[in-house]
Amino acid sequence: EAPLYYNEKYDFYALSRFDDVEKGLLNWKTFISGKGMILEL
């Protein structure tokens, strides 16, 4: 129902489908790790 989900309380988006997650993990230039890999960090 919501393959792109947004949580207003904690202000984050989420991807839940295999293909989207896999592509997200591969797309290191757009989805960077240099600011952390844990939401609260």
ModelCIF file with pLDDT and N, C-alpha, C, O atoms, coordinates in Angstrom:
data_MODEL
#
_entry.id   MODEL 
#
_entity.id                         1 
_entity.type                       polymer 
_entity.pdbx_number_of_molecules   1 
#
_entity_poly.entity_id                      1 
_entity_poly.type                           'polypeptide(L)' 
_entity_poly.nstd_linkage                   no 
_entity_poly.nstd_monomer                   no 
_entity_poly.pdbx_seq_one_letter_code       EAPLYYNEKYDFYALSRFDDVEKGLLNWKTFISGKGMILEL 
_entity_poly.pdbx_seq_one_letter_code_can   EAPLYYNEKYDFYALSRFDDVEKGLLNWKTFISGKGMILEL 
_entity_poly.pdbx_strand_id                 A 
#
loop_
_entity_poly_seq.entity_id 
_entity_poly_seq.num 
_entity_poly_seq.mon_id 
_entity_poly_seq.hetero 
1 1  GLU n 
1 2  ALA n 
1 3  PRO n 
1 4  LEU n 
1 5  TYR n 
1 6  TYR n 
1 7  ASN n 
1 8  GLU n 
1 9  LYS n 
1 10 TYR n 
1 11 ASP n 
1 12 PHE n 
1 13 TYR n 
1 14 ALA n 
1 15 LEU n 
1 16 SER n 
1 17 ARG n 
1 18 PHE n 
1 19 ASP n 
1 20 ASP n 
1 21 VAL n 
1 22 GLU n 
1 23 LYS n 
1 24 GLY n 
1 25 LEU n 
1 26 LEU n 
1 27 ASN n 
1 28 TRP n 
1 29 LYS n 
1 30 THR n 
1 31 PHE n 
1 32 ILE n 
1 33 SER n 
1 34 GLY n 
1 35 LYS n 
1 36 GLY n 
1 37 MET n 
1 38 ILE n 
1 39 LEU n 
1 40 GLU n 
1 41 LEU n 
#
_struct_asym.id          A 
_struct_asym.entity_id   1 
#
loop_
_ma_qa_metric.id 
_ma_qa_metric.mode 
_ma_qa_metric.name 
_ma_qa_metric.software_group_id 
_ma_qa_metric.type 
1 global pLDDT . pLDDT 
2 local  pLDDT . pLDDT 
#
_ma_qa_metric_global.metric_id      1 
_ma_qa_metric_global.metric_value   93.27 
_ma_qa_metric_global.model_id       1 
_ma_qa_metric_global.ordinal_id     1 
#
loop_
_ma_qa_metric_local.label_asym_id 
_ma_qa_metric_local.label_comp_id 
_ma_qa_metric_local.label_seq_id 
_ma_qa_metric_local.metric_id 
_ma_qa_metric_local.metric_value 
_ma_qa_metric_local.model_id 
_ma_qa_metric_local.ordinal_id 
A GLU 1  2 97.00 1 1  
A ALA 2  2 97.00 1 2  
A PRO 3  2 97.00 1 3  
A LEU 4  2 98.00 1 4  
A TYR 5  2 97.00 1 5  
A TYR 6  2 97.00 1 6  
A ASN 7  2 95.00 1 7  
A GLU 8  2 94.00 1 8  
A LYS 9  2 93.00 1 9  
A TYR 10 2 92.00 1 10 
A ASP 11 2 95.00 1 11 
A PHE 12 2 96.00 1 12 
A TYR 13 2 98.00 1 13 
A ALA 14 2 98.00 1 14 
A LEU 15 2 98.00 1 15 
A SER 16 2 98.00 1 16 
A ARG 17 2 98.00 1 17 
A PHE 18 2 98.00 1 18 
A ASP 19 2 98.00 1 19 
A ASP 20 2 98.00 1 20 
A VAL 21 2 98.00 1 21 
A GLU 22 2 97.00 1 22 
A LYS 23 2 97.00 1 23 
A GLY 24 2 96.00 1 24 
A LEU 25 2 95.00 1 25 
A LEU 26 2 94.00 1 26 
A ASN 27 2 94.00 1 27 
A TRP 28 2 92.00 1 28 
A LYS 29 2 93.00 1 29 
A THR 30 2 95.00 1 30 
A PHE 31 2 95.00 1 31 
A ILE 32 2 91.00 1 32 
A SER 33 2 87.00 1 33 
A GLY 34 2 83.00 1 34 
A LYS 35 2 84.00 1 35 
A GLY 36 2 81.00 1 36 
A MET 37 2 86.00 1 37 
A ILE 38 2 84.00 1 38 
A LEU 39 2 86.00 1 39 
A GLU 40 2 83.00 1 40 
A LEU 41 2 81.00 1 41 
#
loop_
_atom_site.group_PDB 
_atom_site.id 
_atom_site.type_symbol 
_atom_site.label_atom_id 
_atom_site.label_alt_id 
_atom_site.label_comp_id 
_atom_site.label_asym_id 
_atom_site.label_entity_id 
_atom_site.label_seq_id 
_atom_site.pdbx_PDB_ins_code 
_atom_site.Cartn_x 
_atom_site.Cartn_y 
_atom_site.Cartn_z 
_atom_site.occupancy 
_atom_site.B_iso_or_equiv 
_atom_site.pdbx_formal_charge 
_atom_site.auth_seq_id 
_atom_site.auth_comp_id 
_atom_site.auth_asym_id 
_atom_site.auth_atom_id 
_atom_site.pdbx_PDB_model_num 
ATOM 1   N N  . GLU A 1 1  ? 0.794  -1.232 0.000  1.00 97.00 ? 1  GLU A N  1 
ATOM 2   C CA . GLU A 1 1  ? 0.000  0.000  0.000  1.00 97.00 ? 1  GLU A CA 1 
ATOM 3   C C  . GLU A 1 1  ? 0.826  1.282  0.000  1.00 97.00 ? 1  GLU A C  1 
ATOM 4   O O  . GLU A 1 1  ? 0.382  2.304  -0.523 1.00 97.00 ? 1  GLU A O  1 
ATOM 5   N N  . ALA A 1 2  ? 2.022  1.237  0.581  1.00 97.00 ? 2  ALA A N  1 
ATOM 6   C CA . ALA A 1 2  ? 2.836  2.454  0.708  1.00 97.00 ? 2  ALA A CA 1 
ATOM 7   C C  . ALA A 1 2  ? 4.309  2.109  0.514  1.00 97.00 ? 2  ALA A C  1 
ATOM 8   O O  . ALA A 1 2  ? 5.099  2.213  1.452  1.00 97.00 ? 2  ALA A O  1 
ATOM 9   N N  . PRO A 1 3  ? 4.686  1.698  -0.708 1.00 97.00 ? 3  PRO A N  1 
ATOM 10  C CA . PRO A 1 3  ? 6.087  1.306  -0.936 1.00 97.00 ? 3  PRO A CA 1 
ATOM 11  C C  . PRO A 1 3  ? 7.076  2.431  -0.673 1.00 97.00 ? 3  PRO A C  1 
ATOM 12  O O  . PRO A 1 3  ? 8.238  2.181  -0.352 1.00 97.00 ? 3  PRO A O  1 
ATOM 13  N N  . LEU A 1 4  ? 6.613  3.675  -0.809 1.00 98.00 ? 4  LEU A N  1 
ATOM 14  C CA . LEU A 1 4  ? 7.365  4.813  -0.280 1.00 98.00 ? 4  LEU A CA 1 
ATOM 15  C C  . LEU A 1 4  ? 6.557  5.353  0.893  1.00 98.00 ? 4  LEU A C  1 
ATOM 16  O O  . LEU A 1 4  ? 5.494  5.948  0.713  1.00 98.00 ? 4  LEU A O  1 
ATOM 17  N N  . TYR A 1 5  ? 7.075  5.137  2.090  1.00 97.00 ? 5  TYR A N  1 
ATOM 18  C CA . TYR A 1 5  ? 6.362  5.518  3.312  1.00 97.00 ? 5  TYR A CA 1 
ATOM 19  C C  . TYR A 1 5  ? 7.037  6.733  3.937  1.00 97.00 ? 5  TYR A C  1 
ATOM 20  O O  . TYR A 1 5  ? 8.256  6.882  3.862  1.00 97.00 ? 5  TYR A O  1 
ATOM 21  N N  . TYR A 1 6  ? 6.235  7.601  4.556  1.00 97.00 ? 6  TYR A N  1 
ATOM 22  C CA . TYR A 1 6  ? 6.792  8.747  5.272  1.00 97.00 ? 6  TYR A CA 1 
ATOM 23  C C  . TYR A 1 6  ? 6.258  8.773  6.689  1.00 97.00 ? 6  TYR A C  1 
ATOM 24  O O  . TYR A 1 6  ? 5.049  8.686  6.902  1.00 97.00 ? 6  TYR A O  1 
ATOM 25  N N  . ASN A 1 7  ? 7.154  8.892  7.660  1.00 95.00 ? 7  ASN A N  1 
ATOM 26  C CA . ASN A 1 7  ? 6.798  9.021  9.068  1.00 95.00 ? 7  ASN A CA 1 
ATOM 27  C C  . ASN A 1 7  ? 6.999  10.479 9.474  1.00 95.00 ? 7  ASN A C  1 
ATOM 28  O O  . ASN A 1 7  ? 8.122  10.981 9.532  1.00 95.00 ? 7  ASN A O  1 
ATOM 29  N N  . GLU A 1 8  ? 5.874  11.144 9.754  1.00 94.00 ? 8  GLU A N  1 
ATOM 30  C CA . GLU A 1 8  ? 5.938  12.568 10.085 1.00 94.00 ? 8  GLU A CA 1 
ATOM 31  C C  . GLU A 1 8  ? 6.541  12.807 11.463 1.00 94.00 ? 8  GLU A C  1 
ATOM 32  O O  . GLU A 1 8  ? 7.254  13.791 11.666 1.00 94.00 ? 8  GLU A O  1 
ATOM 33  N N  . LYS A 1 9  ? 6.262  11.918 12.410 1.00 93.00 ? 9  LYS A N  1 
ATOM 34  C CA . LYS A 1 9  ? 6.735  12.116 13.778 1.00 93.00 ? 9  LYS A CA 1 
ATOM 35  C C  . LYS A 1 9  ? 8.257  12.175 13.834 1.00 93.00 ? 9  LYS A C  1 
ATOM 36  O O  . LYS A 1 9  ? 8.823  13.058 14.478 1.00 93.00 ? 9  LYS A O  1 
ATOM 37  N N  . TYR A 1 10 ? 8.920  11.240 13.164 1.00 92.00 ? 10 TYR A N  1 
ATOM 38  C CA . TYR A 1 10 ? 10.381 11.190 13.209 1.00 92.00 ? 10 TYR A CA 1 
ATOM 39  C C  . TYR A 1 10 ? 11.021 11.681 11.914 1.00 92.00 ? 10 TYR A C  1 
ATOM 40  O O  . TYR A 1 10 ? 12.244 11.651 11.772 1.00 92.00 ? 10 TYR A O  1 
ATOM 41  N N  . ASP A 1 11 ? 10.195 12.132 10.972 1.00 95.00 ? 11 ASP A N  1 
ATOM 42  C CA . ASP A 1 11 ? 10.657 12.772 9.741  1.00 95.00 ? 11 ASP A CA 1 
ATOM 43  C C  . ASP A 1 11 ? 11.636 11.887 8.960  1.00 95.00 ? 11 ASP A C  1 
ATOM 44  O O  . ASP A 1 11 ? 12.793 12.248 8.746  1.00 95.00 ? 11 ASP A O  1 
ATOM 45  N N  . PHE A 1 12 ? 11.138 10.723 8.544  1.00 96.00 ? 12 PHE A N  1 
ATOM 46  C CA . PHE A 1 12 ? 11.954 9.876  7.679  1.00 96.00 ? 12 PHE A CA 1 
ATOM 47  C C  . PHE A 1 12 ? 11.067 9.168  6.665  1.00 96.00 ? 12 PHE A C  1 
ATOM 48  O O  . PHE A 1 12 ? 9.878  8.953  6.902  1.00 96.00 ? 12 PHE A O  1 
ATOM 49  N N  . TYR A 1 13 ? 11.658 8.811  5.541  1.00 98.00 ? 13 TYR A N  1 
ATOM 50  C CA . TYR A 1 13 ? 11.006 8.005  4.517  1.00 98.00 ? 13 TYR A CA 1 
ATOM 51  C C  . TYR A 1 13 ? 11.476 6.558  4.676  1.00 98.00 ? 13 TYR A C  1 
ATOM 52  O O  . TYR A 1 13 ? 12.493 6.293  5.317  1.00 98.00 ? 13 TYR A O  1 
ATOM 53  N N  . ALA A 1 14 ? 10.726 5.630  4.086  1.00 98.00 ? 14 ALA A N  1 
ATOM 54  C CA . ALA A 1 14 ? 11.134 4.224  4.145  1.00 98.00 ? 14 ALA A CA 1 
ATOM 55  C C  . ALA A 1 14 ? 10.744 3.516  2.854  1.00 98.00 ? 14 ALA A C  1 
ATOM 56  O O  . ALA A 1 14 ? 9.677  3.755  2.288  1.00 98.00 ? 14 ALA A O  1 
ATOM 57  N N  . LEU A 1 15 ? 11.637 2.638  2.406  1.00 98.00 ? 15 LEU A N  1 
ATOM 58  C CA . LEU A 1 15 ? 11.386 1.748  1.276  1.00 98.00 ? 15 LEU A CA 1 
ATOM 59  C C  . LEU A 1 15 ? 11.360 0.322  1.795  1.00 98.00 ? 15 LEU A C  1 
ATOM 60  O O  . LEU A 1 15 ? 12.203 -0.061 2.606  1.00 98.00 ? 15 LEU A O  1 
ATOM 61  N N  . SER A 1 16 ? 10.393 -0.469 1.331  1.00 98.00 ? 16 SER A N  1 
ATOM 62  C CA . SER A 1 16 ? 10.182 -1.789 1.917  1.00 98.00 ? 16 SER A CA 1 
ATOM 63  C C  . SER A 1 16 ? 10.213 -2.936 0.917  1.00 98.00 ? 16 SER A C  1 
ATOM 64  O O  . SER A 1 16 ? 10.286 -4.093 1.331  1.00 98.00 ? 16 SER A O  1 
ATOM 65  N N  . ARG A 1 17 ? 10.162 -2.660 -0.382 1.00 98.00 ? 17 ARG A N  1 
ATOM 66  C CA . ARG A 1 17 ? 10.192 -3.723 -1.379 1.00 98.00 ? 17 ARG A CA 1 
ATOM 67  C C  . ARG A 1 17 ? 11.628 -4.137 -1.684 1.00 98.00 ? 17 ARG A C  1 
ATOM 68  O O  . ARG A 1 17 ? 12.542 -3.314 -1.636 1.00 98.00 ? 17 ARG A O  1 
ATOM 69  N N  . PHE A 1 18 ? 11.820 -5.412 -1.998 1.00 98.00 ? 18 PHE A N  1 
ATOM 70  C CA . PHE A 1 18 ? 13.157 -5.937 -2.242 1.00 98.00 ? 18 PHE A CA 1 
ATOM 71  C C  . PHE A 1 18 ? 13.893 -5.120 -3.293 1.00 98.00 ? 18 PHE A C  1 
ATOM 72  O O  . PHE A 1 18 ? 15.024 -4.691 -3.062 1.00 98.00 ? 18 PHE A O  1 
ATOM 73  N N  . ASP A 1 19 ? 13.274 -4.900 -4.432 1.00 98.00 ? 19 ASP A N  1 
ATOM 74  C CA . ASP A 1 19 ? 13.947 -4.215 -5.532 1.00 98.00 ? 19 ASP A CA 1 
ATOM 75  C C  . ASP A 1 19 ? 14.332 -2.795 -5.142 1.00 98.00 ? 19 ASP A C  1 
ATOM 76  O O  . ASP A 1 19 ? 15.424 -2.336 -5.477 1.00 98.00 ? 19 ASP A O  1 
ATOM 77  N N  . ASP A 1 20 ? 13.447 -2.093 -4.437 1.00 98.00 ? 20 ASP A N  1 
ATOM 78  C CA . ASP A 1 20 ? 13.739 -0.725 -4.016 1.00 98.00 ? 20 ASP A CA 1 
ATOM 79  C C  . ASP A 1 20 ? 14.870 -0.680 -2.992 1.00 98.00 ? 20 ASP A C  1 
ATOM 80  O O  . ASP A 1 20 ? 15.754 0.174  -3.068 1.00 98.00 ? 20 ASP A O  1 
ATOM 81  N N  . VAL A 1 21 ? 14.834 -1.611 -2.031 1.00 98.00 ? 21 VAL A N  1 
ATOM 82  C CA . VAL A 1 21 ? 15.884 -1.648 -1.012 1.00 98.00 ? 21 VAL A CA 1 
ATOM 83  C C  . VAL A 1 21 ? 17.230 -1.971 -1.657 1.00 98.00 ? 21 VAL A C  1 
ATOM 84  O O  . VAL A 1 21 ? 18.235 -1.327 -1.358 1.00 98.00 ? 21 VAL A O  1 
ATOM 85  N N  . GLU A 1 22 ? 17.247 -2.961 -2.536 1.00 97.00 ? 22 GLU A N  1 
ATOM 86  C CA . GLU A 1 22 ? 18.486 -3.341 -3.204 1.00 97.00 ? 22 GLU A CA 1 
ATOM 87  C C  . GLU A 1 22 ? 19.054 -2.162 -3.996 1.00 97.00 ? 22 GLU A C  1 
ATOM 88  O O  . GLU A 1 22 ? 20.247 -1.871 -3.908 1.00 97.00 ? 22 GLU A O  1 
ATOM 89  N N  . LYS A 1 23 ? 18.208 -1.487 -4.765 1.00 97.00 ? 23 LYS A N  1 
ATOM 90  C CA . LYS A 1 23 ? 18.677 -0.334 -5.540 1.00 97.00 ? 23 LYS A CA 1 
ATOM 91  C C  . LYS A 1 23 ? 19.144 0.791  -4.621 1.00 97.00 ? 23 LYS A C  1 
ATOM 92  O O  . LYS A 1 23 ? 20.118 1.482  -4.920 1.00 97.00 ? 23 LYS A O  1 
ATOM 93  N N  . GLY A 1 24 ? 18.445 0.968  -3.503 1.00 96.00 ? 24 GLY A N  1 
ATOM 94  C CA . GLY A 1 24 ? 18.855 1.995  -2.557 1.00 96.00 ? 24 GLY A CA 1 
ATOM 95  C C  . GLY A 1 24 ? 20.216 1.720  -1.957 1.00 96.00 ? 24 GLY A C  1 
ATOM 96  O O  . GLY A 1 24 ? 21.021 2.635  -1.789 1.00 96.00 ? 24 GLY A O  1 
ATOM 97  N N  . LEU A 1 25 ? 20.482 0.450  -1.629 1.00 95.00 ? 25 LEU A N  1 
ATOM 98  C CA . LEU A 1 25 ? 21.778 0.087  -1.071 1.00 95.00 ? 25 LEU A CA 1 
ATOM 99  C C  . LEU A 1 25 ? 22.892 0.278  -2.099 1.00 95.00 ? 25 LEU A C  1 
ATOM 100 O O  . LEU A 1 25 ? 24.026 0.595  -1.738 1.00 95.00 ? 25 LEU A O  1 
ATOM 101 N N  . LEU A 1 26 ? 22.571 0.086  -3.376 1.00 94.00 ? 26 LEU A N  1 
ATOM 102 C CA . LEU A 1 26 ? 23.572 0.254  -4.434 1.00 94.00 ? 26 LEU A CA 1 
ATOM 103 C C  . LEU A 1 26 ? 23.812 1.722  -4.772 1.00 94.00 ? 26 LEU A C  1 
ATOM 104 O O  . LEU A 1 26 ? 24.893 2.074  -5.243 1.00 94.00 ? 26 LEU A O  1 
ATOM 105 N N  . ASN A 1 27 ? 22.818 2.586  -4.539 1.00 94.00 ? 27 ASN A N  1 
ATOM 106 C CA . ASN A 1 27 ? 22.898 3.986  -4.947 1.00 94.00 ? 27 ASN A CA 1 
ATOM 107 C C  . ASN A 1 27 ? 23.590 4.823  -3.883 1.00 94.00 ? 27 ASN A C  1 
ATOM 108 O O  . ASN A 1 27 ? 22.965 5.667  -3.242 1.00 94.00 ? 27 ASN A O  1 
ATOM 109 N N  . TRP A 1 28 ? 24.885 4.586  -3.698 1.00 92.00 ? 28 TRP A N  1 
ATOM 110 C CA . TRP A 1 28 ? 25.610 5.242  -2.617 1.00 92.00 ? 28 TRP A CA 1 
ATOM 111 C C  . TRP A 1 28 ? 25.868 6.724  -2.869 1.00 92.00 ? 28 TRP A C  1 
ATOM 112 O O  . TRP A 1 28 ? 26.188 7.456  -1.933 1.00 92.00 ? 28 TRP A O  1 
ATOM 113 N N  . LYS A 1 29 ? 25.736 7.175  -4.100 1.00 93.00 ? 29 LYS A N  1 
ATOM 114 C CA . LYS A 1 29 ? 25.956 8.590  -4.376 1.00 93.00 ? 29 LYS A CA 1 
ATOM 115 C C  . LYS A 1 29 ? 24.768 9.439  -3.926 1.00 93.00 ? 29 LYS A C  1 
ATOM 116 O O  . LYS A 1 29 ? 24.949 10.581 -3.501 1.00 93.00 ? 29 LYS A O  1 
ATOM 117 N N  . THR A 1 30 ? 23.557 8.890  -4.016 1.00 95.00 ? 30 THR A N  1 
ATOM 118 C CA . THR A 1 30 ? 22.361 9.627  -3.581 1.00 95.00 ? 30 THR A CA 1 
ATOM 119 C C  . THR A 1 30 ? 22.027 9.340  -2.131 1.00 95.00 ? 30 THR A C  1 
ATOM 120 O O  . THR A 1 30 ? 21.709 10.253 -1.370 1.00 95.00 ? 30 THR A O  1 
ATOM 121 N N  . PHE A 1 31 ? 22.097 8.063  -1.743 1.00 95.00 ? 31 PHE A N  1 
ATOM 122 C CA . PHE A 1 31 ? 21.797 7.658  -0.370 1.00 95.00 ? 31 PHE A CA 1 
ATOM 123 C C  . PHE A 1 31 ? 23.123 7.395  0.331  1.00 95.00 ? 31 PHE A C  1 
ATOM 124 O O  . PHE A 1 31 ? 23.626 6.271  0.322  1.00 95.00 ? 31 PHE A O  1 
ATOM 125 N N  . ILE A 1 32 ? 23.684 8.431  0.938  1.00 91.00 ? 32 ILE A N  1 
ATOM 126 C CA . ILE A 1 32 ? 25.048 8.359  1.441  1.00 91.00 ? 32 ILE A CA 1 
ATOM 127 C C  . ILE A 1 32 ? 25.090 7.856  2.876  1.00 91.00 ? 32 ILE A C  1 
ATOM 128 O O  . ILE A 1 32 ? 24.110 7.938  3.616  1.00 91.00 ? 32 ILE A O  1 
ATOM 129 N N  . SER A 1 33 ? 26.257 7.333  3.245  1.00 87.00 ? 33 SER A N  1 
ATOM 130 C CA . SER A 1 33 ? 26.465 6.774  4.579  1.00 87.00 ? 33 SER A CA 1 
ATOM 131 C C  . SER A 1 33 ? 27.316 7.671  5.466  1.00 87.00 ? 33 SER A C  1 
ATOM 132 O O  . SER A 1 33 ? 27.463 7.407  6.659  1.00 87.00 ? 33 SER A O  1 
ATOM 133 N N  . GLY A 1 34 ? 27.872 8.723  4.894  1.00 83.00 ? 34 GLY A N  1 
ATOM 134 C CA . GLY A 1 34 ? 28.831 9.542  5.631  1.00 83.00 ? 34 GLY A CA 1 
ATOM 135 C C  . GLY A 1 34 ? 28.270 10.273 6.831  1.00 83.00 ? 34 GLY A C  1 
ATOM 136 O O  . GLY A 1 34 ? 29.031 10.745 7.675  1.00 83.00 ? 34 GLY A O  1 
ATOM 137 N N  . LYS A 1 35 ? 26.946 10.378 6.925  1.00 84.00 ? 35 LYS A N  1 
ATOM 138 C CA . LYS A 1 35 ? 26.329 11.012 8.099  1.00 84.00 ? 35 LYS A CA 1 
ATOM 139 C C  . LYS A 1 35 ? 25.750 9.972  9.060  1.00 84.00 ? 35 LYS A C  1 
ATOM 140 O O  . LYS A 1 35 ? 25.055 10.317 10.015 1.00 84.00 ? 35 LYS A O  1 
ATOM 141 N N  . GLY A 1 36 ? 26.045 8.694  8.797  1.00 81.00 ? 36 GLY A N  1 
ATOM 142 C CA . GLY A 1 36 ? 25.562 7.623  9.657  1.00 81.00 ? 36 GLY A CA 1 
ATOM 143 C C  . GLY A 1 36 ? 24.641 6.682  8.911  1.00 81.00 ? 36 GLY A C  1 
ATOM 144 O O  . GLY A 1 36 ? 24.173 6.988  7.814  1.00 81.00 ? 36 GLY A O  1 
ATOM 145 N N  . MET A 1 37 ? 24.383 5.519  9.524  1.00 86.00 ? 37 MET A N  1 
ATOM 146 C CA . MET A 1 37 ? 23.495 4.521  8.925  1.00 86.00 ? 37 MET A CA 1 
ATOM 147 C C  . MET A 1 37 ? 22.364 4.134  9.877  1.00 86.00 ? 37 MET A C  1 
ATOM 148 O O  . MET A 1 37 ? 21.636 3.174  9.626  1.00 86.00 ? 37 MET A O  1 
ATOM 149 N N  . ILE A 1 38 ? 22.223 4.876  10.956 1.00 84.00 ? 38 ILE A N  1 
ATOM 150 C CA . ILE A 1 38 ? 21.170 4.652  11.941 1.00 84.00 ? 38 ILE A CA 1 
ATOM 151 C C  . ILE A 1 38 ? 20.364 5.942  12.034 1.00 84.00 ? 38 ILE A C  1 
ATOM 152 O O  . ILE A 1 38 ? 20.936 7.028  12.126 1.00 84.00 ? 38 ILE A O  1 
ATOM 153 N N  . LEU A 1 39 ? 19.053 5.829  12.011 1.00 86.00 ? 39 LEU A N  1 
ATOM 154 C CA . LEU A 1 39 ? 18.178 6.991  11.924 1.00 86.00 ? 39 LEU A CA 1 
ATOM 155 C C  . LEU A 1 39 ? 18.522 8.062  12.947 1.00 86.00 ? 39 LEU A C  1 
ATOM 156 O O  . LEU A 1 39 ? 18.710 9.225  12.590 1.00 86.00 ? 39 LEU A O  1 
ATOM 157 N N  . GLU A 1 40 ? 18.604 7.678  14.217 1.00 83.00 ? 40 GLU A N  1 
ATOM 158 C CA . GLU A 1 40 ? 18.818 8.702  15.242 1.00 83.00 ? 40 GLU A CA 1 
ATOM 159 C C  . GLU A 1 40 ? 20.237 9.267  15.208 1.00 83.00 ? 40 GLU A C  1 
ATOM 160 O O  . GLU A 1 40 ? 20.464 10.402 15.628 1.00 83.00 ? 40 GLU A O  1 
ATOM 161 N N  . LEU A 1 41 ? 21.191 8.479  14.709 1.00 81.00 ? 41 LEU A N  1 
ATOM 162 C CA . LEU A 1 41 ? 22.549 9.010  14.571 1.00 81.00 ? 41 LEU A CA 1 
ATOM 163 C C  . LEU A 1 41 ? 22.605 10.066 13.473 1.00 81.00 ? 41 LEU A C  1 
ATOM 164 O O  . LEU A 1 41 ? 23.669 10.628 13.211 1.00 81.00 ? 41 LEU A O  1 
#
